[in-house]
PDB file of all heavy atoms in Angstrom:
ATOM      1  N   SER A   1      -2.469  -6.125  -8.710  1.00  0.00           N
ATOM      2  CA  SER A   1      -3.573  -6.436  -7.819  1.00  0.00           C
ATOM      3  C   SER A   1      -3.047  -7.179  -6.607  1.00  0.00           C
ATOM      4  O   SER A   1      -2.089  -7.943  -6.705  1.00  0.00           O
ATOM      5  CB  SER A   1      -4.618  -7.303  -8.530  1.00  0.00           C
ATOM      6  OG  SER A   1      -5.157  -6.644  -9.647  1.00  0.00           O
ATOM      7  N   CYS A   2      -3.704  -6.973  -5.490  1.00  0.00           N
ATOM      8  CA  CYS A   2      -3.360  -7.673  -4.253  1.00  0.00           C
ATOM      9  C   CYS A   2      -4.661  -8.157  -3.633  1.00  0.00           C
ATOM     10  O   CYS A   2      -5.431  -7.361  -3.098  1.00  0.00           O
ATOM     11  CB  CYS A   2      -2.610  -6.758  -3.306  1.00  0.00           C
ATOM     12  SG  CYS A   2      -2.299  -7.496  -1.681  1.00  0.00           S
ATOM     13  N   ALA A   3      -4.884  -9.460  -3.718  1.00  0.00           N
ATOM     14  CA  ALA A   3      -6.093 -10.053  -3.156  1.00  0.00           C
ATOM     15  C   ALA A   3      -5.828 -10.474  -1.722  1.00  0.00           C
ATOM     16  O   ALA A   3      -4.868 -11.206  -1.450  1.00  0.00           O
ATOM     17  CB  ALA A   3      -6.525 -11.250  -3.993  1.00  0.00           C
ATOM     18  N   ALA A   4      -6.664 -10.018  -0.818  1.00  0.00           N
ATOM     19  CA  ALA A   4      -6.487 -10.299   0.598  1.00  0.00           C
ATOM     20  C   ALA A   4      -7.533 -11.289   1.091  1.00  0.00           C
ATOM     21  O   ALA A   4      -8.699 -11.223   0.685  1.00  0.00           O
ATOM     22  CB  ALA A   4      -6.574  -9.006   1.407  1.00  0.00           C
ATOM     23  N   SER A   5      -7.130 -12.170   1.958  1.00  0.00           N
ATOM     24  CA  SER A   5      -8.064 -13.102   2.591  1.00  0.00           C
ATOM     25  C   SER A   5      -7.642 -13.280   4.049  1.00  0.00           C
ATOM     26  O   SER A   5      -6.530 -12.965   4.428  1.00  0.00           O
ATOM     27  CB  SER A   5      -8.057 -14.452   1.877  1.00  0.00           C
ATOM     28  OG  SER A   5      -6.777 -15.041   1.906  1.00  0.00           O
ATOM     29  N   GLY A   6      -8.558 -13.778   4.844  1.00  0.00           N
ATOM     30  CA  GLY A   6      -8.274 -13.922   6.263  1.00  0.00           C
ATOM     31  C   GLY A   6      -9.019 -12.852   7.035  1.00  0.00           C
ATOM     32  O   GLY A   6     -10.190 -12.607   6.773  1.00  0.00           O
ATOM     33  N   ARG A   7      -8.345 -12.187   7.939  1.00  0.00           N
ATOM     34  CA  ARG A   7      -8.988 -11.184   8.778  1.00  0.00           C
ATOM     35  C   ARG A   7      -9.094  -9.853   8.060  1.00  0.00           C
ATOM     36  O   ARG A   7      -8.711  -8.829   8.554  1.00  0.00           O
ATOM     37  CB  ARG A   7      -8.232 -11.022  10.087  1.00  0.00           C
ATOM     38  CG  ARG A   7      -8.249 -12.256  10.957  1.00  0.00           C
ATOM     39  CD  ARG A   7      -7.574 -11.979  12.285  1.00  0.00           C
ATOM     40  NE  ARG A   7      -8.242 -10.900  13.004  1.00  0.00           N
ATOM     41  CZ  ARG A   7      -7.748 -10.324  14.085  1.00  0.00           C
ATOM     42  NH1 ARG A   7      -6.586 -10.697  14.563  1.00  0.00           N
ATOM     43  NH2 ARG A   7      -8.404  -9.367  14.697  1.00  0.00           N
ATOM     44  N   THR A   8      -9.592  -9.858   6.845  1.00  0.00           N
ATOM     45  CA  THR A   8      -9.621  -8.636   6.060  1.00  0.00           C
ATOM     46  C   THR A   8     -10.571  -7.593   6.632  1.00  0.00           C
ATOM     47  O   THR A   8     -10.387  -6.414   6.410  1.00  0.00           O
ATOM     48  CB  THR A   8     -10.025  -8.936   4.621  1.00  0.00           C
ATOM     49  OG1 THR A   8     -11.268  -9.637   4.644  1.00  0.00           O
ATOM     50  CG2 THR A   8      -8.994  -9.785   3.931  1.00  0.00           C
ATOM     51  N   PHE A   9     -11.570  -8.008   7.372  1.00  0.00           N
ATOM     52  CA  PHE A   9     -12.517  -7.035   7.899  1.00  0.00           C
ATOM     53  C   PHE A   9     -11.865  -6.079   8.874  1.00  0.00           C
ATOM     54  O   PHE A   9     -12.350  -5.000   9.131  1.00  0.00           O
ATOM     55  CB  PHE A   9     -13.674  -7.770   8.593  1.00  0.00           C
ATOM     56  CG  PHE A   9     -13.240  -8.554   9.813  1.00  0.00           C
ATOM     57  CD1 PHE A   9     -13.255  -7.979  11.075  1.00  0.00           C
ATOM     58  CD2 PHE A   9     -12.789  -9.859   9.691  1.00  0.00           C
ATOM     59  CE1 PHE A   9     -12.852  -8.692  12.185  1.00  0.00           C
ATOM     60  CE2 PHE A   9     -12.379 -10.575  10.800  1.00  0.00           C
ATOM     61  CZ  PHE A   9     -12.412  -9.997  12.052  1.00  0.00           C
ATOM     62  N   SER A  10     -10.743  -6.490   9.425  1.00  0.00           N
ATOM     63  CA  SER A  10     -10.081  -5.633  10.401  1.00  0.00           C
ATOM     64  C   SER A  10      -8.790  -5.020   9.876  1.00  0.00           C
ATOM     65  O   SER A  10      -8.085  -4.351  10.614  1.00  0.00           O
ATOM     66  CB  SER A  10      -9.782  -6.417  11.673  1.00  0.00           C
ATOM     67  OG  SER A  10      -8.942  -7.511  11.395  1.00  0.00           O
ATOM     68  N   SER A  11      -8.487  -5.248   8.593  1.00  0.00           N
ATOM     69  CA  SER A  11      -7.264  -4.664   8.033  1.00  0.00           C
ATOM     70  C   SER A  11      -7.370  -3.156   8.067  1.00  0.00           C
ATOM     71  O   SER A  11      -8.367  -2.587   7.659  1.00  0.00           O
ATOM     72  CB  SER A  11      -7.058  -5.141   6.600  1.00  0.00           C
ATOM     73  OG  SER A  11      -6.814  -6.514   6.562  1.00  0.00           O
ATOM     74  N   TYR A  12      -6.348  -2.507   8.536  1.00  0.00           N
ATOM     75  CA  TYR A  12      -6.422  -1.064   8.675  1.00  0.00           C
ATOM     76  C   TYR A  12      -5.589  -0.333   7.630  1.00  0.00           C
ATOM     77  O   TYR A  12      -6.016   0.649   7.081  1.00  0.00           O
ATOM     78  CB  TYR A  12      -5.960  -0.642  10.062  1.00  0.00           C
ATOM     79  CG  TYR A  12      -6.265   0.807  10.310  1.00  0.00           C
ATOM     80  CD1 TYR A  12      -7.543   1.200  10.677  1.00  0.00           C
ATOM     81  CD2 TYR A  12      -5.301   1.780  10.143  1.00  0.00           C
ATOM     82  CE1 TYR A  12      -7.840   2.527  10.891  1.00  0.00           C
ATOM     83  CE2 TYR A  12      -5.587   3.119  10.347  1.00  0.00           C
ATOM     84  CZ  TYR A  12      -6.862   3.483  10.723  1.00  0.00           C
ATOM     85  OH  TYR A  12      -7.157   4.800  10.924  1.00  0.00           O
ATOM     86  N   ARG A  13      -4.396  -0.815   7.371  1.00  0.00           N
ATOM     87  CA  ARG A  13      -3.530  -0.176   6.383  1.00  0.00           C
ATOM     88  C   ARG A  13      -3.031  -1.227   5.392  1.00  0.00           C
ATOM     89  O   ARG A  13      -2.675  -2.333   5.775  1.00  0.00           O
ATOM     90  CB  ARG A  13      -2.307   0.455   7.047  1.00  0.00           C
ATOM     91  CG  ARG A  13      -2.631   1.468   8.111  1.00  0.00           C
ATOM     92  CD  ARG A  13      -1.398   2.260   8.474  1.00  0.00           C
ATOM     93  NE  ARG A  13      -0.316   1.447   9.012  1.00  0.00           N
ATOM     94  CZ  ARG A  13      -0.267   1.011  10.274  1.00  0.00           C
ATOM     95  NH1 ARG A  13      -1.252   1.264  11.084  1.00  0.00           N
ATOM     96  NH2 ARG A  13       0.764   0.313  10.692  1.00  0.00           N
ATOM     97  N   MET A  14      -3.020  -0.853   4.143  1.00  0.00           N
ATOM     98  CA  MET A  14      -2.423  -1.712   3.124  1.00  0.00           C
ATOM     99  C   MET A  14      -1.487  -0.873   2.285  1.00  0.00           C
ATOM    100  O   MET A  14      -1.762   0.296   2.009  1.00  0.00           O
ATOM    101  CB  MET A  14      -3.494  -2.371   2.258  1.00  0.00           C
ATOM    102  CG  MET A  14      -4.352  -3.347   3.038  1.00  0.00           C
ATOM    103  SD  MET A  14      -5.373  -4.382   2.007  1.00  0.00           S
ATOM    104  CE  MET A  14      -4.146  -5.473   1.285  1.00  0.00           C
ATOM    105  N   GLY A  15      -0.379  -1.475   1.915  1.00  0.00           N
ATOM    106  CA  GLY A  15       0.609  -0.706   1.182  1.00  0.00           C
ATOM    107  C   GLY A  15       1.305  -1.520   0.116  1.00  0.00           C
ATOM    108  O   GLY A  15       1.209  -2.746   0.083  1.00  0.00           O
ATOM    109  N   TRP A  16       1.977  -0.810  -0.766  1.00  0.00           N
ATOM    110  CA  TRP A  16       2.839  -1.409  -1.773  1.00  0.00           C
ATOM    111  C   TRP A  16       4.271  -0.941  -1.515  1.00  0.00           C
ATOM    112  O   TRP A  16       4.505   0.262  -1.314  1.00  0.00           O
ATOM    113  CB  TRP A  16       2.414  -0.996  -3.175  1.00  0.00           C
ATOM    114  CG  TRP A  16       1.156  -1.632  -3.656  1.00  0.00           C
ATOM    115  CD1 TRP A  16      -0.110  -1.111  -3.609  1.00  0.00           C
ATOM    116  CD2 TRP A  16       1.027  -2.919  -4.276  1.00  0.00           C
ATOM    117  NE1 TRP A  16      -1.014  -1.986  -4.155  1.00  0.00           N
ATOM    118  CE2 TRP A  16      -0.344  -3.112  -4.568  1.00  0.00           C
ATOM    119  CE3 TRP A  16       1.922  -3.937  -4.607  1.00  0.00           C
ATOM    120  CZ2 TRP A  16      -0.820  -4.264  -5.194  1.00  0.00           C
ATOM    121  CZ3 TRP A  16       1.453  -5.081  -5.210  1.00  0.00           C
ATOM    122  CH2 TRP A  16       0.094  -5.241  -5.493  1.00  0.00           C
ATOM    123  N   PHE A  17       5.165  -1.880  -1.538  1.00  0.00           N
ATOM    124  CA  PHE A  17       6.582  -1.599  -1.421  1.00  0.00           C
ATOM    125  C   PHE A  17       7.283  -2.267  -2.599  1.00  0.00           C
ATOM    126  O   PHE A  17       6.716  -3.141  -3.248  1.00  0.00           O
ATOM    127  CB  PHE A  17       7.144  -2.149  -0.106  1.00  0.00           C
ATOM    128  CG  PHE A  17       6.638  -1.418   1.110  1.00  0.00           C
ATOM    129  CD1 PHE A  17       5.357  -1.642   1.592  1.00  0.00           C
ATOM    130  CD2 PHE A  17       7.439  -0.499   1.761  1.00  0.00           C
ATOM    131  CE1 PHE A  17       4.889  -0.957   2.712  1.00  0.00           C
ATOM    132  CE2 PHE A  17       6.983   0.190   2.877  1.00  0.00           C
ATOM    133  CZ  PHE A  17       5.713  -0.045   3.350  1.00  0.00           C
ATOM    134  N   ARG A  18       8.510  -1.866  -2.863  1.00  0.00           N
ATOM    135  CA  ARG A  18       9.267  -2.491  -3.941  1.00  0.00           C
ATOM    136  C   ARG A  18      10.722  -2.646  -3.541  1.00  0.00           C
ATOM    137  O   ARG A  18      11.229  -1.895  -2.706  1.00  0.00           O
ATOM    138  CB  ARG A  18       9.135  -1.702  -5.233  1.00  0.00           C
ATOM    139  CG  ARG A  18       9.771  -0.329  -5.196  1.00  0.00           C
ATOM    140  CD  ARG A  18       9.438   0.438  -6.479  1.00  0.00           C
ATOM    141  NE  ARG A  18      10.074   1.757  -6.501  1.00  0.00           N
ATOM    142  CZ  ARG A  18       9.836   2.679  -7.437  1.00  0.00           C
ATOM    143  NH1 ARG A  18       8.976   2.415  -8.424  1.00  0.00           N
ATOM    144  NH2 ARG A  18      10.465   3.839  -7.397  1.00  0.00           N
ATOM    145  N   GLN A  19      11.344  -3.619  -4.160  1.00  0.00           N
ATOM    146  CA  GLN A  19      12.755  -3.859  -3.879  1.00  0.00           C
ATOM    147  C   GLN A  19      13.467  -4.225  -5.169  1.00  0.00           C
ATOM    148  O   GLN A  19      13.126  -5.223  -5.814  1.00  0.00           O
ATOM    149  CB  GLN A  19      12.919  -4.974  -2.839  1.00  0.00           C
ATOM    150  CG  GLN A  19      14.342  -5.137  -2.359  1.00  0.00           C
ATOM    151  CD  GLN A  19      14.431  -5.973  -1.097  1.00  0.00           C
ATOM    152  OE1 GLN A  19      13.511  -6.713  -0.749  1.00  0.00           O
ATOM    153  NE2 GLN A  19      15.541  -5.869  -0.394  1.00  0.00           N
ATOM    154  N   ALA A  20      14.434  -3.405  -5.526  1.00  0.00           N
ATOM    155  CA  ALA A  20      15.264  -3.655  -6.698  1.00  0.00           C
ATOM    156  C   ALA A  20      16.507  -4.424  -6.268  1.00  0.00           C
ATOM    157  O   ALA A  20      16.905  -4.361  -5.095  1.00  0.00           O
ATOM    158  CB  ALA A  20      15.648  -2.339  -7.350  1.00  0.00           C
ATOM    159  N   PRO A  21      17.148  -5.122  -7.184  1.00  0.00           N
ATOM    160  CA  PRO A  21      18.348  -5.889  -6.829  1.00  0.00           C
ATOM    161  C   PRO A  21      19.409  -5.009  -6.190  1.00  0.00           C
ATOM    162  O   PRO A  21      19.728  -3.931  -6.703  1.00  0.00           O
ATOM    163  CB  PRO A  21      18.822  -6.431  -8.179  1.00  0.00           C
ATOM    164  CG  PRO A  21      17.591  -6.511  -8.996  1.00  0.00           C
ATOM    165  CD  PRO A  21      16.758  -5.331  -8.578  1.00  0.00           C
ATOM    166  N   GLY A  22      19.925  -5.444  -5.051  1.00  0.00           N
ATOM    167  CA  GLY A  22      20.976  -4.716  -4.376  1.00  0.00           C
ATOM    168  C   GLY A  22      20.518  -3.498  -3.611  1.00  0.00           C
ATOM    169  O   GLY A  22      21.352  -2.753  -3.067  1.00  0.00           O
ATOM    170  N   LYS A  23      19.217  -3.276  -3.560  1.00  0.00           N
ATOM    171  CA  LYS A  23      18.690  -2.105  -2.858  1.00  0.00           C
ATOM    172  C   LYS A  23      17.758  -2.532  -1.737  1.00  0.00           C
ATOM    173  O   LYS A  23      17.247  -3.655  -1.716  1.00  0.00           O
ATOM    174  CB  LYS A  23      17.957  -1.184  -3.833  1.00  0.00           C
ATOM    175  CG  LYS A  23      18.851  -0.558  -4.884  1.00  0.00           C
ATOM    176  CD  LYS A  23      18.094   0.476  -5.688  1.00  0.00           C
ATOM    177  CE  LYS A  23      19.005   1.167  -6.688  1.00  0.00           C
ATOM    178  NZ  LYS A  23      18.285   2.208  -7.463  1.00  0.00           N
ATOM    179  N   GLU A  24      17.523  -1.612  -0.818  1.00  0.00           N
ATOM    180  CA  GLU A  24      16.603  -1.886   0.277  1.00  0.00           C
ATOM    181  C   GLU A  24      15.154  -1.766  -0.217  1.00  0.00           C
ATOM    182  O   GLU A  24      14.868  -1.095  -1.196  1.00  0.00           O
ATOM    183  CB  GLU A  24      16.849  -0.911   1.425  1.00  0.00           C
ATOM    184  CG  GLU A  24      18.200  -1.096   2.102  1.00  0.00           C
ATOM    185  CD  GLU A  24      18.347  -0.232   3.338  1.00  0.00           C
ATOM    186  OE1 GLU A  24      17.452   0.591   3.596  1.00  0.00           O
ATOM    187  OE2 GLU A  24      19.365  -0.393   4.037  1.00  0.00           O
ATOM    188  N   ARG A  25      14.275  -2.428   0.526  1.00  0.00           N
ATOM    189  CA  ARG A  25      12.856  -2.329   0.208  1.00  0.00           C
ATOM    190  C   ARG A  25      12.405  -0.895   0.472  1.00  0.00           C
ATOM    191  O   ARG A  25      12.711  -0.311   1.514  1.00  0.00           O
ATOM    192  CB  ARG A  25      12.064  -3.311   1.060  1.00  0.00           C
ATOM    193  CG  ARG A  25      10.615  -3.461   0.651  1.00  0.00           C
ATOM    194  CD  ARG A  25       9.981  -4.656   1.316  1.00  0.00           C
ATOM    195  NE  ARG A  25      10.641  -5.910   0.943  1.00  0.00           N
ATOM    196  CZ  ARG A  25      10.160  -7.109   1.234  1.00  0.00           C
ATOM    197  NH1 ARG A  25       9.029  -7.232   1.913  1.00  0.00           N
ATOM    198  NH2 ARG A  25      10.820  -8.194   0.872  1.00  0.00           N
ATOM    199  N   GLU A  26      11.646  -0.328  -0.462  1.00  0.00           N
ATOM    200  CA  GLU A  26      11.214   1.049  -0.319  1.00  0.00           C
ATOM    201  C   GLU A  26       9.700   1.174  -0.473  1.00  0.00           C
ATOM    202  O   GLU A  26       9.057   0.397  -1.190  1.00  0.00           O
ATOM    203  CB  GLU A  26      11.920   1.954  -1.327  1.00  0.00           C
ATOM    204  CG  GLU A  26      11.582   1.679  -2.776  1.00  0.00           C
ATOM    205  CD  GLU A  26      12.187   2.715  -3.719  1.00  0.00           C
ATOM    206  OE1 GLU A  26      12.880   3.641  -3.265  1.00  0.00           O
ATOM    207  OE2 GLU A  26      11.935   2.600  -4.944  1.00  0.00           O
ATOM    208  N   PHE A  27       9.176   2.188   0.185  1.00  0.00           N
ATOM    209  CA  PHE A  27       7.756   2.475   0.142  1.00  0.00           C
ATOM    210  C   PHE A  27       7.360   3.005  -1.226  1.00  0.00           C
ATOM    211  O   PHE A  27       8.089   3.792  -1.833  1.00  0.00           O
ATOM    212  CB  PHE A  27       7.419   3.504   1.227  1.00  0.00           C
ATOM    213  CG  PHE A  27       6.045   4.087   1.120  1.00  0.00           C
ATOM    214  CD1 PHE A  27       4.934   3.340   1.456  1.00  0.00           C
ATOM    215  CD2 PHE A  27       5.873   5.379   0.671  1.00  0.00           C
ATOM    216  CE1 PHE A  27       3.674   3.876   1.348  1.00  0.00           C
ATOM    217  CE2 PHE A  27       4.620   5.934   0.563  1.00  0.00           C
ATOM    218  CZ  PHE A  27       3.507   5.183   0.902  1.00  0.00           C
ATOM    219  N   VAL A  28       6.170   2.580  -1.685  1.00  0.00           N
ATOM    220  CA  VAL A  28       5.630   3.068  -2.948  1.00  0.00           C
ATOM    221  C   VAL A  28       4.314   3.819  -2.707  1.00  0.00           C
ATOM    222  O   VAL A  28       4.178   4.978  -3.073  1.00  0.00           O
ATOM    223  CB  VAL A  28       5.388   1.907  -3.932  1.00  0.00           C
ATOM    224  CG1 VAL A  28       4.734   2.419  -5.205  1.00  0.00           C
ATOM    225  CG2 VAL A  28       6.693   1.190  -4.250  1.00  0.00           C
ATOM    226  N   ALA A  29       3.348   3.138  -2.090  1.00  0.00           N
ATOM    227  CA  ALA A  29       2.040   3.747  -1.871  1.00  0.00           C
ATOM    228  C   ALA A  29       1.323   2.992  -0.766  1.00  0.00           C
ATOM    229  O   ALA A  29       1.620   1.820  -0.511  1.00  0.00           O
ATOM    230  CB  ALA A  29       1.202   3.736  -3.146  1.00  0.00           C
ATOM    231  N   ALA A  30       0.361   3.662  -0.115  1.00  0.00           N
ATOM    232  CA  ALA A  30      -0.410   3.022   0.939  1.00  0.00           C
ATOM    233  C   ALA A  30      -1.804   3.617   0.986  1.00  0.00           C
ATOM    234  O   ALA A  30      -2.033   4.731   0.492  1.00  0.00           O
ATOM    235  CB  ALA A  30       0.278   3.187   2.293  1.00  0.00           C
ATOM    236  N   ILE A  31      -2.716   2.855   1.586  1.00  0.00           N
ATOM    237  CA  ILE A  31      -4.100   3.297   1.663  1.00  0.00           C
ATOM    238  C   ILE A  31      -4.727   2.852   2.969  1.00  0.00           C
ATOM    239  O   ILE A  31      -4.429   1.760   3.471  1.00  0.00           O
ATOM    240  CB  ILE A  31      -4.900   2.764   0.448  1.00  0.00           C
ATOM    241  CG1 ILE A  31      -6.289   3.418   0.380  1.00  0.00           C
ATOM    242  CG2 ILE A  31      -5.012   1.239   0.497  1.00  0.00           C
ATOM    243  CD1 ILE A  31      -6.984   3.201  -0.963  1.00  0.00           C
ATOM    244  N   ASN A  32      -5.546   3.716   3.516  1.00  0.00           N
ATOM    245  CA  ASN A  32      -6.342   3.392   4.686  1.00  0.00           C
ATOM    246  C   ASN A  32      -7.533   2.577   4.211  1.00  0.00           C
ATOM    247  O   ASN A  32      -8.310   3.048   3.387  1.00  0.00           O
ATOM    248  CB  ASN A  32      -6.795   4.694   5.353  1.00  0.00           C
ATOM    249  CG  ASN A  32      -7.731   4.472   6.506  1.00  0.00           C
ATOM    250  OD1 ASN A  32      -8.764   3.840   6.364  1.00  0.00           O
ATOM    251  ND2 ASN A  32      -7.365   4.989   7.658  1.00  0.00           N
ATOM    252  N   TRP A  33      -7.652   1.356   4.729  1.00  0.00           N
ATOM    253  CA  TRP A  33      -8.669   0.432   4.199  1.00  0.00           C
ATOM    254  C   TRP A  33     -10.082   0.961   4.376  1.00  0.00           C
ATOM    255  O   TRP A  33     -10.951   0.772   3.545  1.00  0.00           O
ATOM    256  CB  TRP A  33      -8.531  -0.922   4.903  1.00  0.00           C
ATOM    257  CG  TRP A  33      -9.436  -1.963   4.336  1.00  0.00           C
ATOM    258  CD1 TRP A  33     -10.632  -2.379   4.858  1.00  0.00           C
ATOM    259  CD2 TRP A  33      -9.231  -2.705   3.136  1.00  0.00           C
ATOM    260  NE1 TRP A  33     -11.182  -3.351   4.046  1.00  0.00           N
ATOM    261  CE2 TRP A  33     -10.359  -3.569   2.993  1.00  0.00           C
ATOM    262  CE3 TRP A  33      -8.240  -2.730   2.173  1.00  0.00           C
ATOM    263  CZ2 TRP A  33     -10.476  -4.450   1.920  1.00  0.00           C
ATOM    264  CZ3 TRP A  33      -8.373  -3.606   1.112  1.00  0.00           C
ATOM    265  CH2 TRP A  33      -9.475  -4.440   0.991  1.00  0.00           C
ATOM    266  N   ARG A  34     -10.324   1.680   5.460  1.00  0.00           N
ATOM    267  CA  ARG A  34     -11.689   2.124   5.749  1.00  0.00           C
ATOM    268  C   ARG A  34     -12.004   3.475   5.106  1.00  0.00           C
ATOM    269  O   ARG A  34     -12.996   3.633   4.410  1.00  0.00           O
ATOM    270  CB  ARG A  34     -11.903   2.198   7.254  1.00  0.00           C
ATOM    271  CG  ARG A  34     -11.829   0.850   7.922  1.00  0.00           C
ATOM    272  CD  ARG A  34     -11.857   0.943   9.434  1.00  0.00           C
ATOM    273  NE  ARG A  34     -11.683  -0.374  10.042  1.00  0.00           N
ATOM    274  CZ  ARG A  34     -11.465  -0.567  11.323  1.00  0.00           C
ATOM    275  NH1 ARG A  34     -11.418   0.454  12.153  1.00  0.00           N
ATOM    276  NH2 ARG A  34     -11.307  -1.787  11.805  1.00  0.00           N
ATOM    277  N   GLY A  35     -11.142   4.453   5.317  1.00  0.00           N
ATOM    278  CA  GLY A  35     -11.439   5.798   4.836  1.00  0.00           C
ATOM    279  C   GLY A  35     -10.909   6.111   3.452  1.00  0.00           C
ATOM    280  O   GLY A  35     -11.370   7.036   2.800  1.00  0.00           O
ATOM    281  N   GLY A  36      -9.909   5.332   3.009  1.00  0.00           N
ATOM    282  CA  GLY A  36      -9.393   5.553   1.685  1.00  0.00           C
ATOM    283  C   GLY A  36      -8.301   6.593   1.566  1.00  0.00           C
ATOM    284  O   GLY A  36      -7.895   6.932   0.454  1.00  0.00           O
TER     285      GLY A  36
END
């Protein structure tokens, strides 16, 4: 879960990334906050 606070009404994109030891951060998934 990722709980957002602050200017959440204007958040446009939210995503999940991951980083394993010794590796670069990589994209996992993303969502358009308004349209889904």
